[in-house]
Structure formats: C-alpha cells, structure tokens
Protein backbone atom coordinates (compact mmCIF):
# COMPACT_ATOMS: atom_id res chain seq x y z
CA MET A 1 3.23 -22.39 11.18
CA LYS A 2 3.80 -18.80 10.06
CA ARG A 3 0.76 -16.63 9.41
CA LEU A 4 1.24 -16.33 5.64
CA GLU A 5 3.07 -19.59 4.92
CA GLY A 6 2.67 -20.62 1.27
CA LYS A 7 1.14 -17.31 0.17
CA THR A 8 2.43 -14.99 -2.56
CA ALA A 9 2.14 -11.23 -2.25
CA VAL A 10 2.62 -8.30 -4.61
CA ILE A 11 3.62 -5.15 -2.72
CA THR A 12 3.76 -1.89 -4.68
CA GLY A 13 6.13 0.86 -3.57
CA GLY A 14 7.96 -1.90 -1.75
CA ALA A 15 11.56 -0.65 -1.98
CA GLN A 16 11.51 1.90 0.83
CA GLY A 17 9.58 3.39 3.74
CA ILE A 18 6.33 1.69 4.70
CA GLY A 19 6.58 -0.58 1.66
CA LYS A 20 9.99 -1.90 2.68
CA ALA A 21 8.82 -2.54 6.25
CA THR A 22 5.84 -4.39 4.80
CA VAL A 23 7.98 -6.58 2.54
CA ILE A 24 10.15 -7.54 5.51
CA LYS A 25 7.11 -8.31 7.70
CA ILE A 26 5.29 -10.33 5.04
CA VAL A 27 8.45 -12.35 4.35
CA GLU A 28 8.90 -13.00 8.08
CA GLU A 29 5.38 -14.43 8.09
CA GLY A 30 6.34 -16.96 5.42
CA ALA A 31 5.08 -15.45 2.16
CA SER A 32 6.92 -15.13 -1.13
CA VAL A 33 6.95 -11.50 -2.27
CA ALA A 34 7.09 -9.62 -5.56
CA VAL A 35 8.44 -6.15 -4.81
CA TRP A 36 7.16 -3.51 -7.25
CA ASP A 37 8.85 -0.12 -7.35
CA LEU A 38 10.51 2.35 -9.70
CA ASN A 39 13.68 2.53 -7.59
CA GLU A 40 15.73 -0.30 -9.04
CA GLU A 41 18.75 0.22 -6.80
CA LYS A 42 16.84 0.10 -3.52
CA GLY A 43 14.56 -2.68 -4.76
CA ASN A 44 17.40 -4.97 -5.74
CA GLN A 45 19.29 -4.16 -2.55
CA LEU A 46 16.28 -5.21 -0.44
CA VAL A 47 15.78 -8.40 -2.44
CA ASN A 48 19.44 -9.36 -2.09
CA GLU A 49 19.31 -8.82 1.67
CA LEU A 50 16.19 -10.93 2.13
CA ASN A 51 17.22 -13.71 -0.23
CA LYS A 52 20.30 -14.36 1.90
CA ASP A 53 17.89 -16.19 4.21
CA GLU A 54 16.66 -18.31 1.27
CA GLN A 55 13.38 -16.43 0.98
CA LYS A 56 11.73 -16.15 -2.41
CA VAL A 57 11.65 -12.42 -3.08
CA SER A 58 11.89 -10.80 -6.52
CA PHE A 59 12.04 -7.20 -7.70
CA TYR A 60 10.06 -5.84 -10.65
CA LYS A 61 10.48 -2.31 -11.93
CA VAL A 62 6.90 -1.18 -12.41
CA ASN A 63 5.19 2.16 -12.91
CA VAL A 64 1.75 1.50 -11.42
CA ALA A 65 0.32 4.49 -13.31
CA ASN A 66 0.99 2.70 -16.62
CA PHE A 67 -1.84 0.23 -17.24
CA GLU A 68 -0.08 -1.87 -19.87
CA GLU A 69 3.05 -2.09 -17.74
CA VAL A 70 0.99 -3.27 -14.78
CA ILE A 71 -0.81 -5.93 -16.82
CA THR A 72 2.47 -7.27 -18.22
CA SER A 73 4.15 -7.27 -14.80
CA MET A 74 1.26 -9.06 -13.10
CA LYS A 75 1.39 -11.79 -15.74
CA ARG A 76 5.14 -12.12 -15.11
CA VAL A 77 4.57 -12.50 -11.36
CA ILE A 78 1.90 -15.15 -11.85
CA ASN A 79 4.22 -16.99 -14.22
CA ASP A 80 7.21 -16.69 -11.86
CA PHE A 81 5.43 -17.54 -8.61
CA GLY A 82 2.47 -19.57 -9.88
CA LYS A 83 -0.16 -17.41 -8.18
CA VAL A 84 -0.92 -14.17 -6.34
CA ASP A 85 -2.81 -14.40 -3.04
CA ILE A 86 -2.24 -10.90 -1.70
CA LEU A 87 -2.03 -7.47 -3.34
CA ILE A 88 -0.94 -4.53 -1.20
CA ASN A 89 -1.44 -1.26 -3.09
CA ASN A 90 1.08 0.75 -1.11
CA ALA A 91 2.75 2.93 -3.78
CA GLY A 92 2.14 6.65 -3.48
CA ILE A 93 3.63 10.10 -4.07
CA THR A 94 3.01 13.67 -2.91
CA LYS A 95 3.11 16.92 -4.88
CA ASP A 96 1.78 19.39 -2.34
CA ALA A 97 0.50 22.90 -3.06
CA THR A 98 -2.48 25.05 -2.17
CA LEU A 99 -5.42 25.08 -4.55
CA LYS A 100 -4.32 28.49 -5.83
CA LYS A 101 -0.79 27.30 -6.65
CA MET A 102 -1.33 23.67 -7.66
CA THR A 103 -0.48 23.02 -11.30
CA PRO A 104 -2.44 20.62 -13.52
CA GLU A 105 0.73 18.50 -13.67
CA GLN A 106 0.92 18.24 -9.86
CA TRP A 107 -2.75 17.27 -9.71
CA GLN A 108 -2.48 14.64 -12.42
CA GLN A 109 0.77 13.04 -11.24
CA VAL A 110 -0.66 12.29 -7.80
CA ILE A 111 -4.00 11.08 -9.16
CA ASP A 112 -2.20 8.86 -11.69
CA VAL A 113 -0.09 7.07 -9.07
CA ASN A 114 -2.21 7.17 -5.91
CA LEU A 115 -5.64 6.54 -7.43
CA THR A 116 -5.33 5.23 -10.99
CA GLY A 117 -2.37 3.07 -9.92
CA VAL A 118 -4.55 1.34 -7.33
CA PHE A 119 -7.23 0.73 -9.98
CA ASN A 120 -4.66 -0.62 -12.46
CA CYS A 121 -3.11 -3.09 -10.03
CA THR A 122 -6.41 -4.29 -8.62
CA GLN A 123 -8.02 -4.82 -12.00
CA SER A 124 -4.94 -6.68 -13.24
CA VAL A 125 -5.10 -9.26 -10.43
CA SER A 126 -8.85 -9.50 -9.84
CA ALA A 127 -9.58 -12.06 -12.59
CA HIS A 128 -6.76 -14.30 -11.33
CA MET A 129 -8.02 -14.14 -7.74
CA THR A 130 -11.59 -14.72 -8.92
CA GLU A 131 -10.54 -17.89 -10.74
CA ARG A 132 -8.83 -19.11 -7.56
CA GLY A 133 -11.83 -18.19 -5.41
CA SER A 134 -9.78 -16.32 -2.84
CA GLY A 135 -7.56 -13.29 -2.30
CA ARG A 136 -6.72 -10.30 -0.18
CA ILE A 137 -6.47 -6.77 -1.58
CA ILE A 138 -5.27 -4.04 0.77
CA ASN A 139 -5.21 -0.41 -0.32
CA ALA A 140 -3.19 2.43 1.21
CA SER A 141 -5.41 5.37 2.05
CA SER A 142 -4.62 8.01 4.69
CA VAL A 143 -6.29 9.81 7.55
CA VAL A 144 -6.23 12.90 5.34
CA GLY A 145 -8.64 11.06 3.06
CA LEU A 146 -11.08 11.18 5.97
CA TYR A 147 -10.33 14.62 7.43
CA GLY A 148 -8.69 16.63 4.64
CA ASN A 149 -5.39 18.50 4.93
CA PHE A 150 -4.20 21.97 3.98
CA GLY A 151 -2.25 22.08 0.72
CA GLN A 152 -3.06 18.53 -0.37
CA THR A 153 -6.05 18.75 -2.71
CA ASN A 154 -4.61 16.10 -5.04
CA TYR A 155 -3.41 13.71 -2.32
CA VAL A 156 -6.64 13.97 -0.30
CA ALA A 157 -8.78 13.44 -3.41
CA ALA A 158 -6.80 10.31 -4.27
CA LYS A 159 -6.87 8.87 -0.74
CA ALA A 160 -10.58 9.55 -0.33
CA GLY A 161 -11.13 7.91 -3.72
CA VAL A 162 -9.22 4.84 -2.56
CA ILE A 163 -11.65 4.45 0.35
CA GLY A 164 -14.57 4.66 -2.06
CA MET A 165 -13.06 2.12 -4.47
CA THR A 166 -12.36 -0.21 -1.54
CA LYS A 167 -16.04 -0.22 -0.59
CA VAL A 168 -17.13 -0.88 -4.18
CA TRP A 169 -14.66 -3.73 -4.70
CA ALA A 170 -15.59 -5.31 -1.38
CA ARG A 171 -19.13 -5.63 -2.72
CA GLU A 172 -18.13 -6.77 -6.20
CA LEU A 173 -15.39 -9.21 -5.22
CA GLY A 174 -16.54 -10.41 -1.81
CA ARG A 175 -18.86 -12.99 -3.35
CA LYS A 176 -15.80 -14.34 -5.19
CA GLY A 177 -13.96 -15.02 -1.93
CA ILE A 178 -11.82 -11.86 -2.11
CA CYS A 179 -11.60 -9.46 0.82
CA VAL A 180 -10.80 -5.83 -0.01
CA ASN A 181 -9.84 -3.39 2.75
CA ALA A 182 -7.96 -0.13 3.21
CA VAL A 183 -5.48 1.10 5.79
CA ALA A 184 -5.40 4.79 6.72
CA PRO A 185 -2.06 5.68 8.31
CA GLY A 186 -1.65 8.77 10.47
CA PHE A 187 1.67 10.58 10.85
CA ILE A 188 4.36 7.99 10.15
CA VAL A 189 8.13 8.42 10.43
CA THR A 190 9.31 7.93 6.85
CA GLU A 191 12.27 9.49 5.05
CA MET A 192 9.99 12.31 3.88
CA VAL A 193 8.67 13.11 7.37
CA ALA A 194 12.10 12.85 9.00
CA ALA A 195 13.32 15.66 6.72
CA MET A 196 10.61 18.06 7.90
CA PRO A 197 11.36 20.93 10.35
CA ASP A 198 11.34 19.98 14.04
CA LYS A 199 8.36 22.24 14.77
CA VAL A 200 6.26 20.42 12.15
CA ILE A 201 7.16 17.05 13.63
CA GLN A 202 6.33 18.38 17.10
CA MET A 203 2.94 19.53 15.82
CA MET A 204 2.28 16.04 14.45
CA GLU A 205 3.18 14.49 17.80
CA GLU A 206 0.91 16.91 19.66
CA LYS A 207 -2.02 15.95 17.43
CA THR A 208 -1.46 12.25 18.21
CA PRO A 209 -2.83 11.23 21.64
CA LEU A 210 -0.23 8.47 21.97
CA GLY A 211 2.39 11.23 21.89
CA ARG A 212 4.58 9.82 19.14
CA LEU A 213 4.66 9.38 15.40
CA GLY A 214 3.90 5.98 13.96
CA ARG A 215 6.60 3.68 12.66
CA PRO A 216 6.52 2.00 9.24
CA GLU A 217 6.28 -1.30 11.11
CA ASP A 218 2.97 -0.18 12.64
CA ILE A 219 1.44 0.00 9.16
CA ALA A 220 3.17 -3.20 8.04
CA ASN A 221 1.57 -5.00 10.99
CA ALA A 222 -1.88 -3.79 9.92
CA TYR A 223 -1.30 -4.88 6.33
CA CYS A 224 -0.15 -8.28 7.55
CA PHE A 225 -3.18 -8.74 9.78
CA LEU A 226 -5.60 -7.92 6.96
CA ALA A 227 -3.73 -10.31 4.66
CA GLY A 228 -4.07 -13.23 7.06
CA ASP A 229 -6.78 -15.71 8.00
CA GLU A 230 -7.67 -13.81 11.18
CA ALA A 231 -9.19 -11.11 8.98
CA SER A 232 -11.26 -13.46 6.82
CA PHE A 233 -14.56 -11.77 7.78
CA ILE A 234 -13.28 -8.20 7.46
CA ASN A 235 -14.30 -6.70 4.12
CA GLY A 236 -14.83 -3.16 2.88
CA THR A 237 -13.41 -1.50 5.99
CA THR A 238 -10.86 1.28 6.44
CA LEU A 239 -8.54 0.55 9.34
CA CYS A 240 -7.12 3.76 10.85
CA VAL A 241 -3.61 3.27 12.21
CA ASP A 242 -3.04 6.75 13.57
CA GLY A 243 -2.50 6.70 17.32
CA GLY A 244 -5.95 8.25 17.83
CA ILE A 245 -5.13 11.37 15.82
CA ILE A 246 -7.13 14.52 16.57
CA SER A 247 -8.54 15.91 13.33
C-alpha cells in the first residue's frame, strides 16, 4: 500500500518549483491533490500531465493572501474531494531589499503571502480537520528564518513567524489529533536560484557541507514524510532540510 493512499492534500504554490515536486511526490504516494496557485497555465499543465495516469488532481486558482478567496476555495475542495487530510502551506514570494531601500509595498506583499497566507489557509481547514479528529499541516519556513539573511527583512520576518505559528498551532490542534510541523529548506535549486550568477551559486554550495544545492525533491520528500503515518508523533517541530548549512 502506498504511504498516503486514500488521503487528500491541498498544496499551495503547487504549480512550479518545490510545490510542483511536492504534488508529484504526494500523488505517487497515492493521495488525491488540490493544487493551489495563481499561475493558471502551469497549474493546468501539471494537472493534465498527472491525470493521464488516472490520478485525481485538480487545479484551483487561489490567492492565499485573500482570506475570503481561501475560505471559498477550501469549501470547494472539501465539496469536490469529500475531505482534506493534509495541508501543505508551500506558497511564497520574495521581494528582496536592504532595510534602507525596502518599500512598504515590498514589506507588505511578502508578509501577506508568506505569513498571512499561511494563517488564512490553516484557519480555513482547521475546523474541518478538528471535526474529523485528524490532519497534517505542514508549513514552509526557511533556514533564513532561523539565521537571518542580508537584504531579506520581510522574508526572514515571515519565515520566522511561520515557525512561531507552527509551535502555537501544534499546542492548540494537537489535542484534536492534528499534527502541525514546519520544514526549513536551505539553498534549493529552483527557477529563481538557477538564474542567479555563478559566483552566488558557488557561495551557496560552499556554505553547504554536502557540497551541493538541494533539489526540490529533497523538500518534497520531507513534506511527504511529515504527512504520513511514520510522523504521527512529530508535532511542533521545524525540520531543517539544508545539507548541514553553515550559518
């Protein structure tokens, strides 16, 4: 039997990068998946590819920063799939600048998606999971939420906040049978990283004792583990998937 057979997952930011790798991995493990993203073209393309193998995967265009939109979309998923067992809050953006140069708009956009979006999605599904007496909620943080990073005041604040919310929700929801954890990726090869100058990528590799950047599949594997039965006594933790990064 596959690890997540019979489960239904909502994966935000699921159309590309780490989110796409996660959708593919979760589907391979037997779950039905609702892919949430703003990129309709890539989302539908992914769904069409996966549904060729008769998997139940659906795309929903959702802005996680919009509370009403999230509530409506979660109700649609529950109606379409019958339940939600797993929520992976993976969606995130960057708008980097030093403190001196960061605009209020850059600050707010990142906080809205990376922090408020996680709150919106988790609150929207928590009552449903509580009624069912079980659930897995996995939040995307980052190693920069633990160590900080130059030029990322907004991103670091959001990712550190996600770790704090994870600990609170683990206490509030654990007694309801819901495990809440976070994953803190290190330097991962995504489209954004691949476009960086070679010397920046080399610096990232040098800071990682394993001598390479992580792959989206490395994070997808961590998400999948925390979503499964093997992680049933893991709650309120932040799992660093960073190759032993040197801060």
